[in-house]
Amino acid sequence: SNAARKAAVAPDTDVEEAHHHLRFALRRTRTMCETASTASSRARVDSFLSAPAGHAFVVFGSSGSGKTFLMSKVVVEAAAANVKAGSGWKGCVCARFLGTSAASSAVRPLLL
């Protein structure tokens, strides 16, 4: 039907937005280097993710301290672990980097 053809070619803005943020994370991990500080922070994030305690994990710091690189590294590694052959399904990785697209330019819509 005509409606089915339109649906088949209509862009899915949610999927496009998810791809945007994953590509952003991939670019960050390729263009930035891990420091001792981000490696230590990554270990804490990994520990939290392996045994979540039912509360949020907050990453904060001054401008240029490595927050974006840290989260990019975590996102890329988590996504890679989910698709590794033989590892089985471990869940879904959903990441949004504030201010990197029109749809992520404000915090409120990201939380809804």
PDB file of N, CA and C in Angstrom:
ATOM      1  N   SER A   1       0.831  -1.179   0.000  1.00  0.00           N
ATOM      2  CA  SER A   1       0.000   0.000   0.000  1.00  0.00           C
ATOM      3  C   SER A   1       0.883   1.252   0.000  1.00  0.00           C
ATOM      4  N   ASN A   2       0.270   2.374  -0.297  1.00  0.00           N
ATOM      5  CA  ASN A   2       0.977   3.655  -0.344  1.00  0.00           C
ATOM      6  C   ASN A   2       1.514   4.020   1.039  1.00  0.00           C
ATOM      7  N   ALA A   3       0.721   3.781   2.070  1.00  0.00           N
ATOM      8  CA  ALA A   3       1.156   4.091   3.446  1.00  0.00           C
ATOM      9  C   ALA A   3       2.356   3.234   3.841  1.00  0.00           C
ATOM     10  N   ALA A   4       2.361   1.984   3.447  1.00  0.00           N
ATOM     11  CA  ALA A   4       3.474   1.086   3.775  1.00  0.00           C
ATOM     12  C   ALA A   4       4.754   1.547   3.084  1.00  0.00           C
ATOM     13  N   ARG A   5       4.641   1.995   1.829  1.00  0.00           N
ATOM     14  CA  ARG A   5       5.832   2.500   1.122  1.00  0.00           C
ATOM     15  C   ARG A   5       6.375   3.747   1.785  1.00  0.00           C
ATOM     16  N   LYS A   6       5.498   4.657   2.192  1.00  0.00           N
ATOM     17  CA  LYS A   6       5.946   5.876   2.876  1.00  0.00           C
ATOM     18  C   LYS A   6       6.627   5.537   4.196  1.00  0.00           C
ATOM     19  N   ALA A   7       6.068   4.591   4.938  1.00  0.00           N
ATOM     20  CA  ALA A   7       6.651   4.198   6.222  1.00  0.00           C
ATOM     21  C   ALA A   7       8.011   3.540   6.016  1.00  0.00           C
ATOM     22  N   ALA A   8       8.167   2.812   4.921  1.00  0.00           N
ATOM     23  CA  ALA A   8       9.425   2.113   4.654  1.00  0.00           C
ATOM     24  C   ALA A   8      10.560   3.079   4.340  1.00  0.00           C
ATOM     25  N   VAL A   9      10.257   4.235   3.803  1.00  0.00           N
ATOM     26  CA  VAL A   9      11.316   5.175   3.437  1.00  0.00           C
ATOM     27  C   VAL A   9      11.379   6.398   4.342  1.00  0.00           C
ATOM     28  N   ALA A  10      10.407   6.529   5.235  1.00  0.00           N
ATOM     29  CA  ALA A  10      10.406   7.678   6.136  1.00  0.00           C
ATOM     30  C   ALA A  10      11.546   7.529   7.141  1.00  0.00           C
ATOM     31  N   PRO A  11      12.300   8.594   7.348  1.00  0.00           N
ATOM     32  CA  PRO A  11      13.400   8.502   8.311  1.00  0.00           C
ATOM     33  C   PRO A  11      12.869   8.363   9.735  1.00  0.00           C
ATOM     34  N   ASP A  12      13.559   7.588  10.519  1.00  0.00           N
ATOM     35  CA  ASP A  12      13.214   7.431  11.937  1.00  0.00           C
ATOM     36  C   ASP A  12      14.118   8.371  12.715  1.00  0.00           C
ATOM     37  N   THR A  13      13.558   9.478  13.176  1.00  0.00           N
ATOM     38  CA  THR A  13      14.380  10.498  13.825  1.00  0.00           C
ATOM     39  C   THR A  13      15.017   9.996  15.109  1.00  0.00           C
ATOM     40  N   ASP A  14      14.350   9.094  15.823  1.00  0.00           N
ATOM     41  CA  ASP A  14      14.943   8.544  17.041  1.00  0.00           C
ATOM     42  C   ASP A  14      16.177   7.703  16.722  1.00  0.00           C
ATOM     43  N   VAL A  15      16.090   6.890  15.678  1.00  0.00           N
ATOM     44  CA  VAL A  15      17.229   6.066  15.271  1.00  0.00           C
ATOM     45  C   VAL A  15      18.367   6.957  14.770  1.00  0.00           C
ATOM     46  N   GLU A  16      18.025   7.964  13.969  1.00  0.00           N
ATOM     47  CA  GLU A  16      19.054   8.882  13.483  1.00  0.00           C
ATOM     48  C   GLU A  16      19.748   9.604  14.641  1.00  0.00           C
ATOM     49  N   GLU A  17      18.974  10.006  15.641  1.00  0.00           N
ATOM     50  CA  GLU A  17      19.543  10.684  16.811  1.00  0.00           C
ATOM     51  C   GLU A  17      20.455   9.733  17.589  1.00  0.00           C
ATOM     52  N   ALA A  18      20.027   8.491  17.762  1.00  0.00           N
ATOM     53  CA  ALA A  18      20.863   7.497  18.455  1.00  0.00           C
ATOM     54  C   ALA A  18      22.169   7.268  17.699  1.00  0.00           C
ATOM     55  N   HIS A  19      22.091   7.169  16.384  1.00  0.00           N
ATOM     56  CA  HIS A  19      23.307   7.011  15.570  1.00  0.00           C
ATOM     57  C   HIS A  19      24.228   8.218  15.717  1.00  0.00           C
ATOM     58  N   HIS A  20      23.651   9.403  15.740  1.00  0.00           N
ATOM     59  CA  HIS A  20      24.452  10.620  15.901  1.00  0.00           C
ATOM     60  C   HIS A  20      25.291  10.542  17.176  1.00  0.00           C
ATOM     61  N   HIS A  21      24.667  10.165  18.281  1.00  0.00           N
ATOM     62  CA  HIS A  21      25.373  10.147  19.565  1.00  0.00           C
ATOM     63  C   HIS A  21      26.411   9.028  19.629  1.00  0.00           C
ATOM     64  N   LEU A  22      26.130   7.884  19.003  1.00  0.00           N
ATOM     65  CA  LEU A  22      27.120   6.817  18.965  1.00  0.00           C
ATOM     66  C   LEU A  22      28.312   7.231  18.098  1.00  0.00           C
ATOM     67  N   ARG A  23      28.045   7.857  16.956  1.00  0.00           N
ATOM     68  CA  ARG A  23      29.150   8.351  16.111  1.00  0.00           C
ATOM     69  C   ARG A  23      29.973   9.399  16.849  1.00  0.00           C
ATOM     70  N   PHE A  24      29.306  10.253  17.614  1.00  0.00           N
ATOM     71  CA  PHE A  24      30.005  11.264  18.412  1.00  0.00           C
ATOM     72  C   PHE A  24      30.959  10.573  19.387  1.00  0.00           C
ATOM     73  N   ALA A  25      30.467   9.558  20.089  1.00  0.00           N
ATOM     74  CA  ALA A  25      31.313   8.828  21.044  1.00  0.00           C
ATOM     75  C   ALA A  25      32.494   8.168  20.341  1.00  0.00           C
ATOM     76  N   LEU A  26      32.248   7.562  19.192  1.00  0.00           N
ATOM     77  CA  LEU A  26      33.339   6.923  18.438  1.00  0.00           C
ATOM     78  C   LEU A  26      34.403   7.940  18.036  1.00  0.00           C
ATOM     79  N   ARG A  27      33.971   9.105  17.553  1.00  0.00           N
ATOM     80  CA  ARG A  27      34.939  10.146  17.161  1.00  0.00           C
ATOM     81  C   ARG A  27      35.766  10.594  18.360  1.00  0.00           C
ATOM     82  N   ARG A  28      35.127  10.770  19.502  1.00  0.00           N
ATOM     83  CA  ARG A  28      35.852  11.220  20.697  1.00  0.00           C
ATOM     84  C   ARG A  28      36.907  10.196  21.122  1.00  0.00           C
ATOM     85  N   THR A  29      36.579   8.920  21.062  1.00  0.00           N
ATOM     86  CA  THR A  29      37.544   7.913  21.501  1.00  0.00           C
ATOM     87  C   THR A  29      38.708   7.781  20.519  1.00  0.00           C
ATOM     88  N   ARG A  30      38.491   8.182  19.281  1.00  0.00           N
ATOM     89  CA  ARG A  30      39.574   8.117  18.291  1.00  0.00           C
ATOM     90  C   ARG A  30      40.478   9.341  18.325  1.00  0.00           C
ATOM     91  N   THR A  31      39.962  10.469  18.793  1.00  0.00           N
ATOM     92  CA  THR A  31      40.736  11.716  18.720  1.00  0.00           C
ATOM     93  C   THR A  31      41.284  12.172  20.058  1.00  0.00           C
ATOM     94  N   MET A  32      40.945  11.495  21.130  1.00  0.00           N
ATOM     95  CA  MET A  32      41.427  11.891  22.449  1.00  0.00           C
ATOM     96  C   MET A  32      42.162  10.713  23.082  1.00  0.00           C
ATOM     97  N   CYS A  33      43.030  11.017  24.019  1.00  0.00           N
ATOM     98  CA  CYS A  33      43.820   9.981  24.687  1.00  0.00           C
ATOM     99  C   CYS A  33      43.403   9.847  26.143  1.00  0.00           C
ATOM    100  N   GLU A  34      43.436   8.619  26.630  1.00  0.00           N
ATOM    101  CA  GLU A  34      43.103   8.369  28.024  1.00  0.00           C
ATOM    102  C   GLU A  34      44.259   8.808  28.924  1.00  0.00           C
ATOM    103  N   THR A  35      43.921   9.437  30.031  1.00  0.00           N
ATOM    104  CA  THR A  35      44.911   9.856  31.023  1.00  0.00           C
ATOM    105  C   THR A  35      44.780   8.950  32.244  1.00  0.00           C
ATOM    106  N   ALA A  36      45.683   9.072  33.182  1.00  0.00           N
ATOM    107  CA  ALA A  36      45.601   8.287  34.414  1.00  0.00           C
ATOM    108  C   ALA A  36      44.299   8.600  35.148  1.00  0.00           C
ATOM    109  N   SER A  37      43.906   9.857  35.128  1.00  0.00           N
ATOM    110  CA  SER A  37      42.682  10.276  35.804  1.00  0.00           C
ATOM    111  C   SER A  37      41.445   9.660  35.159  1.00  0.00           C
ATOM    112  N   THR A  38      41.361   9.681  33.823  1.00  0.00           N
ATOM    113  CA  THR A  38      40.187   9.102  33.172  1.00  0.00           C
ATOM    114  C   THR A  38      40.199   7.581  33.287  1.00  0.00           C
ATOM    115  N   ALA A  39      41.369   6.965  33.320  1.00  0.00           N
ATOM    116  CA  ALA A  39      41.448   5.513  33.506  1.00  0.00           C
ATOM    117  C   ALA A  39      40.915   5.128  34.883  1.00  0.00           C
ATOM    118  N   SER A  40      41.280   5.906  35.898  1.00  0.00           N
ATOM    119  CA  SER A  40      40.790   5.660  37.256  1.00  0.00           C
ATOM    120  C   SER A  40      39.278   5.859  37.322  1.00  0.00           C
ATOM    121  N   SER A  41      38.793   6.901  36.698  1.00  0.00           N
ATOM    122  CA  SER A  41      37.348   7.161  36.676  1.00  0.00           C
ATOM    123  C   SER A  41      36.618   6.069  35.915  1.00  0.00           C
ATOM    124  N   ARG A  42      37.207   5.600  34.823  1.00  0.00           N
ATOM    125  CA  ARG A  42      36.578   4.538  34.031  1.00  0.00           C
ATOM    126  C   ARG A  42      36.442   3.267  34.856  1.00  0.00           C
ATOM    127  N   ALA A  43      37.437   2.976  35.685  1.00  0.00           N
ATOM    128  CA  ALA A  43      37.353   1.799  36.562  1.00  0.00           C
ATOM    129  C   ALA A  43      36.179   1.925  37.528  1.00  0.00           C
ATOM    130  N   ARG A  44      35.942   3.135  38.033  1.00  0.00           N
ATOM    131  CA  ARG A  44      34.808   3.347  38.937  1.00  0.00           C
ATOM    132  C   ARG A  44      33.478   3.196  38.201  1.00  0.00           C
ATOM    133  N   VAL A  45      33.409   3.702  36.971  1.00  0.00           N
ATOM    134  CA  VAL A  45      32.182   3.544  36.170  1.00  0.00           C
ATOM    135  C   VAL A  45      31.952   2.065  35.891  1.00  0.00           C
ATOM    136  N   ASP A  46      33.004   1.344  35.479  1.00  0.00           N
ATOM    137  CA  ASP A  46      32.879  -0.089  35.196  1.00  0.00           C
ATOM    138  C   ASP A  46      32.384  -0.848  36.426  1.00  0.00           C
ATOM    139  N   SER A  47      32.903  -0.492  37.594  1.00  0.00           N
ATOM    140  CA  SER A  47      32.482  -1.137  38.836  1.00  0.00           C
ATOM    141  C   SER A  47      30.996  -0.871  39.096  1.00  0.00           C
ATOM    142  N   PHE A  48      30.565   0.358  38.897  1.00  0.00           N
ATOM    143  CA  PHE A  48      29.155   0.712  39.079  1.00  0.00           C
ATOM    144  C   PHE A  48      28.274  -0.070  38.115  1.00  0.00           C
ATOM    145  N   LEU A  49      28.680  -0.144  36.851  1.00  0.00           N
ATOM    146  CA  LEU A  49      27.868  -0.818  35.843  1.00  0.00           C
ATOM    147  C   LEU A  49      27.779  -2.322  36.075  1.00  0.00           C
ATOM    148  N   SER A  50      28.811  -2.902  36.676  1.00  0.00           N
ATOM    149  CA  SER A  50      28.789  -4.347  36.908  1.00  0.00           C
ATOM    150  C   SER A  50      27.898  -4.723  38.093  1.00  0.00           C
ATOM    151  N   ALA A  51      27.624  -3.776  38.980  1.00  0.00           N
ATOM    152  CA  ALA A  51      26.760  -4.043  40.134  1.00  0.00           C
ATOM    153  C   ALA A  51      26.019  -2.767  40.519  1.00  0.00           C
ATOM    154  N   PRO A  52      25.047  -2.344  39.695  1.00  0.00           N
ATOM    155  CA  PRO A  52      24.331  -1.101  39.990  1.00  0.00           C
ATOM    156  C   PRO A  52      23.642  -1.157  41.352  1.00  0.00           C
ATOM    157  N   ALA A  53      23.669  -0.054  42.047  1.00  0.00           N
ATOM    158  CA  ALA A  53      23.112   0.006  43.398  1.00  0.00           C
ATOM    159  C   ALA A  53      21.745   0.668  43.435  1.00  0.00           C
ATOM    160  N   GLY A  54      21.119   0.854  42.287  1.00  0.00           N
ATOM    161  CA  GLY A  54      19.791   1.459  42.264  1.00  0.00           C
ATOM    162  C   GLY A  54      19.789   2.970  42.364  1.00  0.00           C
ATOM    163  N   HIS A  55      20.924   3.585  42.131  1.00  0.00           N
ATOM    164  CA  HIS A  55      20.986   5.049  42.137  1.00  0.00           C
ATOM    165  C   HIS A  55      21.820   5.518  40.950  1.00  0.00           C
ATOM    166  N   ALA A  56      21.763   6.793  40.715  1.00  0.00           N
ATOM    167  CA  ALA A  56      22.475   7.364  39.564  1.00  0.00           C
ATOM    168  C   ALA A  56      23.981   7.446  39.821  1.00  0.00           C
ATOM    169  N   PHE A  57      24.722   7.357  38.746  1.00  0.00           N
ATOM    170  CA  PHE A  57      26.165   7.580  38.792  1.00  0.00           C
ATOM    171  C   PHE A  57      26.400   8.920  38.105  1.00  0.00           C
ATOM    172  N   VAL A  58      26.943   9.872  38.803  1.00  0.00           N
ATOM    173  CA  VAL A  58      27.107  11.222  38.276  1.00  0.00           C
ATOM    174  C   VAL A  58      28.570  11.472  37.949  1.00  0.00           C
ATOM    175  N   VAL A  59      28.819  11.936  36.740  1.00  0.00           N
ATOM    176  CA  VAL A  59      30.165  12.330  36.326  1.00  0.00           C
ATOM    177  C   VAL A  59      30.178  13.845  36.250  1.00  0.00           C
ATOM    178  N   PHE A  60      31.073  14.469  36.986  1.00  0.00           N
ATOM    179  CA  PHE A  60      31.157  15.929  36.964  1.00  0.00           C
ATOM    180  C   PHE A  60      32.616  16.338  37.045  1.00  0.00           C
ATOM    181  N   GLY A  61      32.890  17.545  36.601  1.00  0.00           N
ATOM    182  CA  GLY A  61      34.240  18.075  36.641  1.00  0.00           C
ATOM    183  C   GLY A  61      34.309  19.371  35.866  1.00  0.00           C
ATOM    184  N   SER A  62      35.443  20.013  35.958  1.00  0.00           N
ATOM    185  CA  SER A  62      35.620  21.278  35.256  1.00  0.00           C
ATOM    186  C   SER A  62      35.765  21.047  33.755  1.00  0.00           C
ATOM    187  N   SER A  63      35.622  22.122  33.020  1.00  0.00           N
ATOM    188  CA  SER A  63      35.765  22.066  31.570  1.00  0.00           C
ATOM    189  C   SER A  63      37.148  21.526  31.208  1.00  0.00           C
ATOM    190  N   GLY A  64      37.171  20.567  30.299  1.00  0.00           N
ATOM    191  CA  GLY A  64      38.444  20.011  29.848  1.00  0.00           C
ATOM    192  C   GLY A  64      39.010  18.911  30.732  1.00  0.00           C
ATOM    193  N   SER A  65      38.239  18.466  31.727  1.00  0.00           N
ATOM    194  CA  SER A  65      38.760  17.460  32.656  1.00  0.00           C
ATOM    195  C   SER A  65      38.634  16.027  32.141  1.00  0.00           C
ATOM    196  N   GLY A  66      37.937  15.822  31.015  1.00  0.00           N
ATOM    197  CA  GLY A  66      37.853  14.485  30.425  1.00  0.00           C
ATOM    198  C   GLY A  66      36.511  13.789  30.587  1.00  0.00           C
ATOM    199  N   LYS A  67      35.474  14.512  30.994  1.00  0.00           N
ATOM    200  CA  LYS A  67      34.152  13.912  31.191  1.00  0.00           C
ATOM    201  C   LYS A  67      33.614  13.315  29.893  1.00  0.00           C
ATOM    202  N   THR A  68      33.685  14.066  28.821  1.00  0.00           N
ATOM    203  CA  THR A  68      33.146  13.594  27.543  1.00  0.00           C
ATOM    204  C   THR A  68      33.933  12.403  27.038  1.00  0.00           C
ATOM    205  N   PHE A  69      35.256  12.448  27.146  1.00  0.00           N
ATOM    206  CA  PHE A  69      36.059  11.305  26.724  1.00  0.00           C
ATOM    207  C   PHE A  69      35.716  10.075  27.564  1.00  0.00           C
ATOM    208  N   LEU A  70      35.616  10.269  28.875  1.00  0.00           N
ATOM    209  CA  LEU A  70      35.303   9.154  29.775  1.00  0.00           C
ATOM    210  C   LEU A  70      33.998   8.481  29.369  1.00  0.00           C
ATOM    211  N   MET A  71      32.956   9.263  29.212  1.00  0.00           N
ATOM    212  CA  MET A  71      31.662   8.682  28.868  1.00  0.00           C
ATOM    213  C   MET A  71      31.656   8.098  27.456  1.00  0.00           C
ATOM    214  N   SER A  72      32.383   8.729  26.541  1.00  0.00           N
ATOM    215  CA  SER A  72      32.500   8.179  25.188  1.00  0.00           C
ATOM    216  C   SER A  72      33.155   6.807  25.229  1.00  0.00           C
ATOM    217  N   LYS A  73      34.211   6.682  25.999  1.00  0.00           N
ATOM    218  CA  LYS A  73      34.931   5.408  26.129  1.00  0.00           C
ATOM    219  C   LYS A  73      34.014   4.334  26.725  1.00  0.00           C
ATOM    220  N   VAL A  74      33.272   4.689  27.757  1.00  0.00           N
ATOM    221  CA  VAL A  74      32.352   3.745  28.391  1.00  0.00           C
ATOM    222  C   VAL A  74      31.269   3.299  27.408  1.00  0.00           C
ATOM    223  N   VAL A  75      30.703   4.249  26.671  1.00  0.00           N
ATOM    224  CA  VAL A  75      29.647   3.940  25.699  1.00  0.00           C
ATOM    225  C   VAL A  75      30.170   3.011  24.606  1.00  0.00           C
ATOM    226  N   VAL A  76      31.318   3.335  24.045  1.00  0.00           N
ATOM    227  CA  VAL A  76      31.876   2.532  22.951  1.00  0.00           C
ATOM    228  C   VAL A  76      32.198   1.119  23.443  1.00  0.00           C
ATOM    229  N   GLU A  77      32.807   1.005  24.617  1.00  0.00           N
ATOM    230  CA  GLU A  77      33.149  -0.319  25.143  1.00  0.00           C
ATOM    231  C   GLU A  77      31.903  -1.134  25.486  1.00  0.00           C
ATOM    232  N   ALA A  78      30.882  -0.486  26.037  1.00  0.00           N
ATOM    233  CA  ALA A  78      29.641  -1.197  26.363  1.00  0.00           C
ATOM    234  C   ALA A  78      28.937  -1.669  25.097  1.00  0.00           C
ATOM    235  N   ALA A  79      28.900  -0.826  24.077  1.00  0.00           N
ATOM    236  CA  ALA A  79      28.270  -1.212  22.807  1.00  0.00           C
ATOM    237  C   ALA A  79      29.042  -2.365  22.164  1.00  0.00           C
ATOM    238  N   ALA A  80      30.372  -2.303  22.206  1.00  0.00           N
ATOM    239  CA  ALA A  80      31.196  -3.373  21.626  1.00  0.00           C
ATOM    240  C   ALA A  80      30.977  -4.685  22.377  1.00  0.00           C
ATOM    241  N   ALA A  81      30.857  -4.626  23.695  1.00  0.00           N
ATOM    242  CA  ALA A  81      30.628  -5.838  24.490  1.00  0.00           C
ATOM    243  C   ALA A  81      29.283  -6.464  24.152  1.00  0.00           C
ATOM    244  N   ASN A  82      28.302  -5.634  23.804  1.00  0.00           N
ATOM    245  CA  ASN A  82      26.976  -6.157  23.470  1.00  0.00           C
ATOM    246  C   ASN A  82      26.951  -6.893  22.139  1.00  0.00           C
ATOM    247  N   VAL A  83      27.848  -6.563  21.237  1.00  0.00           N
ATOM    248  CA  VAL A  83      27.818  -7.200  19.922  1.00  0.00           C
ATOM    249  C   VAL A  83      28.930  -8.224  19.731  1.00  0.00           C
ATOM    250  N   LYS A  84      29.778  -8.397  20.741  1.00  0.00           N
ATOM    251  CA  LYS A  84      30.870  -9.362  20.632  1.00  0.00           C
ATOM    252  C   LYS A  84      30.299 -10.755  20.399  1.00  0.00           C
ATOM    253  N   ALA A  85      30.856 -11.451  19.438  1.00  0.00           N
ATOM    254  CA  ALA A  85      30.367 -12.774  19.086  1.00  0.00           C
ATOM    255  C   ALA A  85      30.391 -13.709  20.296  1.00  0.00           C
ATOM    256  N   GLY A  86      29.278 -14.371  20.511  1.00  0.00           N
ATOM    257  CA  GLY A  86      29.198 -15.367  21.568  1.00  0.00           C
ATOM    258  C   GLY A  86      28.989 -14.821  22.963  1.00  0.00           C
ATOM    259  N   SER A  87      28.904 -13.506  23.120  1.00  0.00           N
ATOM    260  CA  SER A  87      28.774 -12.963  24.467  1.00  0.00           C
ATOM    261  C   SER A  87      27.330 -12.947  24.955  1.00  0.00           C
ATOM    262  N   GLY A  88      26.382 -13.134  24.057  1.00  0.00           N
ATOM    263  CA  GLY A  88      24.979 -13.098  24.452  1.00  0.00           C
ATOM    264  C   GLY A  88      24.497 -11.672  24.633  1.00  0.00           C
ATOM    265  N   TRP A  89      23.202 -11.492  24.722  1.00  0.00           N
ATOM    266  CA  TRP A  89      22.607 -10.164  24.860  1.00  0.00           C
ATOM    267  C   TRP A  89      22.784  -9.681  26.283  1.00  0.00           C
ATOM    268  N   LYS A  90      23.352  -8.494  26.437  1.00  0.00           N
ATOM    269  CA  LYS A  90      23.595  -7.938  27.760  1.00  0.00           C
ATOM    270  C   LYS A  90      22.782  -6.683  28.024  1.00  0.00           C
ATOM    271  N   GLY A  91      21.993  -6.247  27.084  1.00  0.00           N
ATOM    272  CA  GLY A  91      21.188  -5.055  27.295  1.00  0.00           C
ATOM    273  C   GLY A  91      21.347  -4.061  26.165  1.00  0.00           C
ATOM    274  N   CYS A  92      20.915  -2.868  26.411  1.00  0.00           N
ATOM    275  CA  CYS A  92      20.922  -1.820  25.408  1.00  0.00           C
ATOM    276  C   CYS A  92      21.759  -0.645  25.894  1.00  0.00           C
ATOM    277  N   VAL A  93      22.547  -0.089  25.020  1.00  0.00           N
ATOM    278  CA  VAL A  93      23.355   1.083  25.362  1.00  0.00           C
ATOM    279  C   VAL A  93      22.674   2.298  24.745  1.00  0.00           C
ATOM    280  N   CYS A  94      22.280   3.215  25.592  1.00  0.00           N
ATOM    281  CA  CYS A  94      21.631   4.440  25.139  1.00  0.00           C
ATOM    282  C   CYS A  94      22.424   5.614  25.692  1.00  0.00           C
ATOM    283  N   ALA A  95      22.971   6.423  24.824  1.00  0.00           N
ATOM    284  CA  ALA A  95      23.791   7.556  25.266  1.00  0.00           C
ATOM    285  C   ALA A  95      23.353   8.818  24.565  1.00  0.00           C
ATOM    286  N   ARG A  96      23.359   9.908  25.299  1.00  0.00           N
ATOM    287  CA  ARG A  96      23.056  11.214  24.731  1.00  0.00           C
ATOM    288  C   ARG A  96      24.091  12.189  25.259  1.00  0.00           C
ATOM    289  N   PHE A  97      24.724  12.905  24.365  1.00  0.00           N
ATOM    290  CA  PHE A  97      25.725  13.898  24.727  1.00  0.00           C
ATOM    291  C   PHE A  97      25.109  15.281  24.536  1.00  0.00           C
ATOM    292  N   LEU A  98      24.899  15.968  25.635  1.00  0.00           N
ATOM    293  CA  LEU A  98      24.221  17.256  25.637  1.00  0.00           C
ATOM    294  C   LEU A  98      24.923  18.264  24.727  1.00  0.00           C
ATOM    295  N   GLY A  99      24.125  18.910  23.882  1.00  0.00           N
ATOM    296  CA  GLY A  99      24.638  19.976  23.030  1.00  0.00           C
ATOM    297  C   GLY A  99      25.302  19.542  21.747  1.00  0.00           C
ATOM    298  N   THR A 100      25.192  18.267  21.383  1.00  0.00           N
ATOM    299  CA  THR A 100      25.858  17.810  20.164  1.00  0.00           C
ATOM    300  C   THR A 100      24.924  17.728  18.965  1.00  0.00           C
ATOM    301  N   SER A 101      23.637  17.962  19.191  1.00  0.00           N
ATOM    302  CA  SER A 101      22.663  17.969  18.099  1.00  0.00           C
ATOM    303  C   SER A 101      21.516  18.892  18.496  1.00  0.00           C
ATOM    304  N   ALA A 102      20.687  19.227  17.520  1.00  0.00           N
ATOM    305  CA  ALA A 102      19.539  20.092  17.819  1.00  0.00           C
ATOM    306  C   ALA A 102      18.621  19.432  18.843  1.00  0.00           C
ATOM    307  N   ALA A 103      18.467  18.120  18.751  1.00  0.00           N
ATOM    308  CA  ALA A 103      17.580  17.416  19.673  1.00  0.00           C
ATOM    309  C   ALA A 103      18.179  17.242  21.067  1.00  0.00           C
ATOM    310  N   SER A 104      19.468  17.519  21.216  1.00  0.00           N
ATOM    311  CA  SER A 104      20.102  17.387  22.543  1.00  0.00           C
ATOM    312  C   SER A 104      20.642  18.734  23.034  1.00  0.00           C
ATOM    313  N   SER A 105      20.035  19.805  22.559  1.00  0.00           N
ATOM    314  CA  SER A 105      20.538  21.130  22.922  1.00  0.00           C
ATOM    315  C   SER A 105      20.072  21.602  24.302  1.00  0.00           C
ATOM    316  N   ALA A 106      19.088  20.924  24.872  1.00  0.00           N
ATOM    317  CA  ALA A 106      18.604  21.260  26.211  1.00  0.00           C
ATOM    318  C   ALA A 106      18.466  19.977  27.026  1.00  0.00           C
ATOM    319  N   VAL A 107      18.626  20.080  28.317  1.00  0.00           N
ATOM    320  CA  VAL A 107      18.609  18.904  29.176  1.00  0.00           C
ATOM    321  C   VAL A 107      17.207  18.309  29.354  1.00  0.00           C
ATOM    322  N   ARG A 108      16.201  19.123  29.470  1.00  0.00           N
ATOM    323  CA  ARG A 108      14.846  18.622  29.764  1.00  0.00           C
ATOM    324  C   ARG A 108      14.357  17.591  28.763  1.00  0.00           C
ATOM    325  N   PRO A 109      14.421  17.827  27.447  1.00  0.00           N
ATOM    326  CA  PRO A 109      13.936  16.815  26.498  1.00  0.00           C
ATOM    327  C   PRO A 109      14.710  15.497  26.585  1.00  0.00           C
ATOM    328  N   LEU A 110      15.952  15.550  26.998  1.00  0.00           N
ATOM    329  CA  LEU A 110      16.730  14.322  27.111  1.00  0.00           C
ATOM    330  C   LEU A 110      16.248  13.446  28.251  1.00  0.00           C
ATOM    331  N   LEU A 111      15.643  14.052  29.251  1.00  0.00           N
ATOM    332  CA  LEU A 111      15.193  13.315  30.417  1.00  0.00           C
ATOM    333  C   LEU A 111      13.785  12.764  30.280  1.00  0.00           C
ATOM    334  N   LEU A 112      13.072  13.197  29.262  1.00  0.00           N
ATOM    335  CA  LEU A 112      11.677  12.724  29.077  1.00  0.00           C
ATOM    336  C   LEU A 112      11.637  11.423  28.333  1.00  0.00           C
TER     337      LEU A 112
END
